[in-house]
C-alpha atoms as a PDB file:
ATOM      1  CA  MET A   1     -31.531 -86.362 -53.976  1.00  0.00           C
ATOM      2  CA  SER A   2     -32.554 -84.738 -50.703  1.00  0.00           C
ATOM      3  CA  THR A   3     -35.870 -85.271 -48.997  1.00  0.00           C
ATOM      4  CA  PRO A   4     -37.924 -82.097 -48.456  1.00  0.00           C
ATOM      5  CA  PRO A   5     -38.527 -81.207 -44.800  1.00  0.00           C
ATOM      6  CA  PRO A   6     -41.809 -82.329 -43.246  1.00  0.00           C
ATOM      7  CA  ILE A   7     -44.621 -79.765 -43.193  1.00  0.00           C
ATOM      8  CA  ASP A   8     -44.236 -79.230 -39.426  1.00  0.00           C
ATOM      9  CA  ASP A   9     -40.770 -77.766 -39.979  1.00  0.00           C
ATOM     10  CA  VAL A  10     -41.754 -74.510 -41.679  1.00  0.00           C
ATOM     11  CA  THR A  11     -40.231 -71.363 -40.219  1.00  0.00           C
ATOM     12  CA  LEU A  12     -42.711 -68.796 -38.935  1.00  0.00           C
ATOM     13  CA  LEU A  13     -42.368 -65.089 -39.638  1.00  0.00           C
ATOM     14  CA  ALA A  14     -42.081 -62.442 -36.925  1.00  0.00           C
ATOM     15  CA  ARG A  15     -44.803 -60.363 -38.594  1.00  0.00           C
ATOM     16  CA  ARG A  16     -47.405 -63.042 -37.862  1.00  0.00           C
ATOM     17  CA  TYR A  17     -48.725 -61.142 -34.822  1.00  0.00           C
ATOM     18  CA  ARG A  18     -51.558 -58.657 -34.664  1.00  0.00           C
ATOM     19  CA  LEU A  19     -51.802 -56.271 -31.687  1.00  0.00           C
ATOM     20  CA  GLU A  20     -55.184 -54.853 -30.670  1.00  0.00           C
ATOM     21  CA  LEU A  21     -56.513 -52.465 -28.050  1.00  0.00           C
ATOM     22  CA  ASP A  22     -59.941 -52.677 -26.397  1.00  0.00           C
ATOM     23  CA  MET A  23     -61.515 -49.279 -27.138  1.00  0.00           C
ATOM     24  CA  GLY A  24     -64.942 -50.205 -25.713  1.00  0.00           C
ATOM     25  CA  THR A  25     -66.451 -48.855 -22.519  1.00  0.00           C
ATOM     26  CA  ASN A  26     -69.025 -51.508 -21.609  1.00  0.00           C
ATOM     27  CA  THR A  27     -68.391 -54.217 -24.183  1.00  0.00           C
ATOM     28  CA  PRO A  28     -65.050 -55.082 -25.795  1.00  0.00           C
ATOM     29  CA  THR A  29     -64.355 -53.230 -29.033  1.00  0.00           C
ATOM     30  CA  TRP A  30     -61.063 -54.587 -30.324  1.00  0.00           C
ATOM     31  CA  THR A  31     -59.243 -52.095 -32.535  1.00  0.00           C
ATOM     32  CA  LEU A  32     -56.056 -52.652 -34.507  1.00  0.00           C
ATOM     33  CA  ILE A  33     -52.986 -50.807 -33.281  1.00  0.00           C
ATOM     34  CA  PRO A  34     -51.550 -49.898 -36.694  1.00  0.00           C
ATOM     35  CA  GLY A  35     -47.957 -49.381 -37.726  1.00  0.00           C
ATOM     36  CA  VAL A  36     -46.283 -52.173 -35.749  1.00  0.00           C
ATOM     37  CA  SER A  37     -42.741 -52.597 -37.071  1.00  0.00           C
ATOM     38  CA  GLU A  38     -41.291 -54.526 -34.128  1.00  0.00           C
ATOM     39  CA  PHE A  39     -43.111 -56.743 -31.640  1.00  0.00           C
ATOM     40  CA  ALA A  40     -41.609 -58.601 -28.673  1.00  0.00           C
ATOM     41  CA  PRO A  41     -43.851 -60.172 -26.002  1.00  0.00           C
ATOM     42  CA  LYS A  42     -42.044 -61.320 -22.857  1.00  0.00           C
ATOM     43  CA  ILE A  43     -42.940 -63.510 -19.908  1.00  0.00           C
ATOM     44  CA  GLU A  44     -40.388 -63.432 -17.103  1.00  0.00           C
ATOM     45  CA  PRO A  45     -40.614 -65.766 -14.106  1.00  0.00           C
ATOM     46  CA  THR A  46     -39.629 -64.776 -10.578  1.00  0.00           C
ATOM     47  CA  VAL A  47     -37.630 -67.752  -9.330  1.00  0.00           C
ATOM     48  CA  GLN A  48     -36.983 -68.466  -5.657  1.00  0.00           C
ATOM     49  CA  GLU A  49     -34.481 -70.978  -4.397  1.00  0.00           C
ATOM     50  CA  LEU A  50     -35.819 -73.573  -1.984  1.00  0.00           C
ATOM     51  CA  ASN A  51     -33.213 -75.361   0.130  1.00  0.00           C
ATOM     52  CA  LEU A  52     -34.538 -78.576   1.644  1.00  0.00           C
ATOM     53  CA  TYR A  53     -32.782 -81.302   3.605  1.00  0.00           C
ATOM     54  CA  ASP A  54     -34.185 -83.944   1.253  1.00  0.00           C
ATOM     55  CA  GLY A  55     -32.563 -82.163  -1.711  1.00  0.00           C
ATOM     56  CA  GLU A  56     -29.272 -83.685  -0.545  1.00  0.00           C
ATOM     57  CA  GLY A  57     -27.347 -80.487  -1.125  1.00  0.00           C
ATOM     58  CA  TYR A  58     -29.089 -79.468  -4.346  1.00  0.00           C
ATOM     59  CA  PRO A  59     -31.473 -76.518  -4.233  1.00  0.00           C
ATOM     60  CA  GLU A  60     -34.899 -76.626  -5.837  1.00  0.00           C
ATOM     61  CA  GLN A  61     -36.074 -73.712  -8.001  1.00  0.00           C
ATOM     62  CA  VAL A  62     -39.658 -72.544  -7.607  1.00  0.00           C
ATOM     63  CA  VAL A  63     -41.476 -70.065  -9.846  1.00  0.00           C
ATOM     64  CA  THR A  64     -43.443 -67.759  -7.537  1.00  0.00           C
ATOM     65  CA  MET A  65     -44.646 -65.054  -9.929  1.00  0.00           C
ATOM     66  CA  LEU A  66     -44.845 -64.276 -13.641  1.00  0.00           C
ATOM     67  CA  LYS A  67     -44.261 -60.809 -15.073  1.00  0.00           C
ATOM     68  CA  TRP A  68     -45.323 -60.025 -18.633  1.00  0.00           C
ATOM     69  CA  SER A  69     -44.742 -57.171 -21.036  1.00  0.00           C
ATOM     70  CA  VAL A  70     -44.800 -56.272 -24.708  1.00  0.00           C
ATOM     71  CA  GLU A  71     -42.221 -54.055 -26.351  1.00  0.00           C
ATOM     72  CA  THR A  72     -43.244 -52.727 -29.730  1.00  0.00           C
ATOM     73  CA  THR A  73     -42.203 -50.026 -32.151  1.00  0.00           C
ATOM     74  CA  LEU A  74     -44.950 -48.188 -33.999  1.00  0.00           C
ATOM     75  CA  ALA A  75     -44.852 -46.011 -37.084  1.00  0.00           C
ATOM     76  CA  HIS A  76     -46.793 -43.008 -35.766  1.00  0.00           C
ATOM     77  CA  ARG A  77     -49.921 -42.790 -37.930  1.00  0.00           C
ATOM     78  CA  ALA A  78     -52.261 -39.899 -38.780  1.00  0.00           C
ATOM     79  CA  ASN A  79     -55.082 -39.451 -41.273  1.00  0.00           C
ATOM     80  CA  PRO A  80     -53.937 -36.979 -43.971  1.00  0.00           C
ATOM     81  CA  VAL A  81     -57.494 -35.669 -44.528  1.00  0.00           C
ATOM     82  CA  THR A  82     -58.849 -35.300 -40.971  1.00  0.00           C
ATOM     83  CA  ARG A  83     -55.396 -34.484 -39.538  1.00  0.00           C
ATOM     84  CA  LYS A  84     -56.109 -36.775 -36.566  1.00  0.00           C
ATOM     85  CA  PHE A  85     -53.784 -39.377 -35.107  1.00  0.00           C
ATOM     86  CA  SER A  86     -54.747 -43.053 -35.123  1.00  0.00           C
ATOM     87  CA  SER A  87     -57.390 -43.459 -32.401  1.00  0.00           C
ATOM     88  CA  SER A  88     -55.789 -46.573 -30.905  1.00  0.00           C
ATOM     89  CA  GLN A  89     -52.311 -45.019 -30.892  1.00  0.00           C
ATOM     90  CA  GLU A  90     -53.763 -41.881 -29.291  1.00  0.00           C
ATOM     91  CA  ALA A  91     -55.449 -44.008 -26.600  1.00  0.00           C
ATOM     92  CA  LEU A  92     -52.056 -45.569 -25.785  1.00  0.00           C
ATOM     93  CA  ARG A  93     -50.380 -42.145 -25.608  1.00  0.00           C
ATOM     94  CA  ALA A  94     -53.168 -40.775 -23.383  1.00  0.00           C
ATOM     95  CA  ALA A  95     -52.929 -43.769 -21.025  1.00  0.00           C
ATOM     96  CA  SER A  96     -49.165 -43.247 -20.738  1.00  0.00           C
ATOM     97  CA  MET A  97     -49.815 -39.761 -19.345  1.00  0.00           C
ATOM     98  CA  SER A  98     -52.601 -40.735 -16.919  1.00  0.00           C
ATOM     99  CA  PHE A  99     -52.947 -41.857 -13.321  1.00  0.00           C
ATOM    100  CA  GLY A 100     -55.310 -44.358 -11.704  1.00  0.00           C
ATOM    101  CA  PRO A 101     -57.874 -46.171 -13.864  1.00  0.00           C
ATOM    102  CA  GLY A 102     -56.999 -44.058 -16.931  1.00  0.00           C
ATOM    103  CA  SER A 103     -53.455 -45.424 -16.952  1.00  0.00           C
ATOM    104  CA  TYR A 104     -54.584 -48.967 -17.800  1.00  0.00           C
ATOM    105  CA  VAL A 105     -55.355 -50.411 -21.206  1.00  0.00           C
ATOM    106  CA  LYS A 106     -56.630 -53.838 -22.195  1.00  0.00           C
ATOM    107  CA  VAL A 107     -54.664 -55.404 -25.036  1.00  0.00           C
ATOM    108  CA  ARG A 108     -54.577 -58.660 -26.906  1.00  0.00           C
ATOM    109  CA  TRP A 109     -52.291 -60.151 -29.481  1.00  0.00           C
ATOM    110  CA  PHE A 110     -52.617 -63.199 -31.640  1.00  0.00           C
ATOM    111  CA  ASP A 111     -51.168 -65.057 -34.576  1.00  0.00           C
ATOM    112  CA  ARG A 112     -52.764 -63.608 -37.727  1.00  0.00           C
ATOM    113  CA  THR A 113     -52.522 -66.980 -39.495  1.00  0.00           C
ATOM    114  CA  GLY A 114     -54.808 -68.591 -36.899  1.00  0.00           C
ATOM    115  CA  LEU A 115     -52.246 -70.578 -34.904  1.00  0.00           C
ATOM    116  CA  PRO A 116     -53.230 -71.056 -31.242  1.00  0.00           C
ATOM    117  CA  ASP A 117     -50.922 -68.316 -29.962  1.00  0.00           C
ATOM    118  CA  ALA A 118     -53.196 -65.649 -28.475  1.00  0.00           C
ATOM    119  CA  TYR A 119     -53.151 -63.663 -25.219  1.00  0.00           C
ATOM    120  CA  GLU A 120     -55.009 -60.880 -23.478  1.00  0.00           C
ATOM    121  CA  GLY A 121     -54.292 -58.730 -20.435  1.00  0.00           C
ATOM    122  CA  ARG A 122     -54.374 -55.360 -18.734  1.00  0.00           C
ATOM    123  CA  ALA A 123     -51.285 -53.173 -18.897  1.00  0.00           C
ATOM    124  CA  VAL A 124     -49.841 -49.751 -18.187  1.00  0.00           C
ATOM    125  CA  VAL A 125     -48.262 -47.892 -21.078  1.00  0.00           C
ATOM    126  CA  GLN A 126     -44.910 -46.268 -21.612  1.00  0.00           C
ATOM    127  CA  TRP A 127     -44.806 -44.071 -24.752  1.00  0.00           C
ATOM    128  CA  GLU A 128     -41.378 -42.970 -26.014  1.00  0.00           C
ATOM    129  CA  PRO A 129     -41.043 -41.097 -29.326  1.00  0.00           C
ATOM    130  CA  ASP A 130     -37.832 -42.196 -31.046  1.00  0.00           C
ATOM    131  CA  GLY A 131     -36.964 -38.842 -32.594  1.00  0.00           C
ATOM    132  CA  GLY A 132     -34.354 -38.845 -35.331  1.00  0.00           C
ATOM    133  CA  ASP A 133     -32.922 -36.720 -38.071  1.00  0.00           C
ATOM    134  CA  ALA A 134     -34.759 -35.155 -40.999  1.00  0.00           C
ATOM    135  CA  ALA A 135     -34.633 -38.369 -43.076  1.00  0.00           C
ATOM    136  CA  GLU A 136     -36.280 -40.544 -40.394  1.00  0.00           C
ATOM    137  CA  VAL A 137     -39.924 -41.557 -40.114  1.00  0.00           C
ATOM    138  CA  ASP A 138     -41.816 -40.771 -36.907  1.00  0.00           C
ATOM    139  CA  THR A 139     -41.671 -43.904 -34.743  1.00  0.00           C
ATOM    140  CA  VAL A 140     -42.605 -44.530 -31.143  1.00  0.00           C
ATOM    141  CA  LYS A 141     -41.377 -47.228 -28.765  1.00  0.00           C
ATOM    142  CA  VAL A 142     -44.315 -48.481 -26.697  1.00  0.00           C
ATOM    143  CA  THR A 143     -43.881 -50.730 -23.684  1.00  0.00           C
ATOM    144  CA  LEU A 144     -46.961 -52.422 -22.266  1.00  0.00           C
ATOM    145  CA  THR A 145     -46.240 -53.665 -18.746  1.00  0.00           C
ATOM    146  CA  GLY A 146     -48.713 -56.235 -17.504  1.00  0.00           C
ATOM    147  CA  SER A 147     -50.815 -55.482 -14.451  1.00  0.00           C
ATOM    148  CA  GLY A 148     -52.411 -58.728 -13.417  1.00  0.00           C
ATOM    149  CA  PRO A 149     -52.661 -62.006 -15.285  1.00  0.00           C
ATOM    150  CA  LEU A 150     -51.883 -62.631 -18.915  1.00  0.00           C
ATOM    151  CA  THR A 151     -54.638 -64.903 -20.135  1.00  0.00           C
ATOM    152  CA  ALA A 152     -54.397 -67.344 -23.009  1.00  0.00           C
ATOM    153  CA  ILE A 153     -57.434 -66.815 -25.245  1.00  0.00           C
ATOM    154  CA  THR A 154     -58.924 -68.556 -28.250  1.00  0.00           C
ATOM    155  CA  ASN A 155     -57.369 -67.011 -31.321  1.00  0.00           C
ATOM    156  CA  PRO A 156     -60.100 -64.806 -32.841  1.00  0.00           C
ATOM    157  CA  VAL A 157     -59.010 -65.761 -36.375  1.00  0.00           C
ATOM    158  CA  ALA A 158     -58.496 -69.478 -35.708  1.00  0.00           C
ATOM    159  CA  SER A 159     -59.543 -71.688 -38.603  1.00  0.00           C
ATOM    160  CA  PRO A 160     -58.971 -75.285 -39.759  1.00  0.00           C
ATOM    161  CA  GLY A 161     -56.422 -74.284 -42.447  1.00  0.00           C
ATOM    162  CA  LEU A 162     -53.997 -72.669 -40.029  1.00  0.00           C
ATOM    163  CA  LEU A 163     -51.037 -72.271 -42.336  1.00  0.00           C
ATOM    164  CA  ALA A 164     -52.997 -71.469 -45.475  1.00  0.00           C
ATOM    165  CA  ALA A 165     -51.474 -68.585 -47.369  1.00  0.00           C
ATOM    166  CA  LYS A 166     -53.151 -65.334 -46.428  1.00  0.00           C
ATOM    167  CA  GLY A 167     -52.481 -61.938 -47.889  1.00  0.00           C
ATOM    168  CA  GLY A 168     -52.779 -58.599 -46.137  1.00  0.00           C
ATOM    169  CA  ASP A 169     -53.930 -58.028 -42.577  1.00  0.00           C
ATOM    170  CA  SER A 170     -56.413 -60.544 -41.188  1.00  0.00           C
END
């Protein structure tokens, strides 16, 4: 008879993340970016080699900068009654075609189950419609390239029962 794995060995699901855009002007107004079908945050270090005499022939590696980005694929959403695109998706598209202050967006993402995996930062937007044949859905690849620090934040949905089963979108 096998022993069941301990509770800390559960496998997490990729869909655990929620991506939001700050749509406020003076105070933060966090708005869901709907239709996320792929989500890949990245943090890439810039590493410099440091060659010192006391390294006795072995170089030391030093991280001098961190670069962050998020690559996501969105199902392009529109309201069938008002015939308007999703406001947060439209804000991303508009920022991708702007210069100066209008080219920046403030985003955050976090674990929807409440785990302490949550970040916030300012980014520029690249908006690339995927195209496709007549049987495809309208999807867009969005790349958010960090401009400035990526800050760890308190997860806005953090709760004591972190892995409690939750249905739907938190």
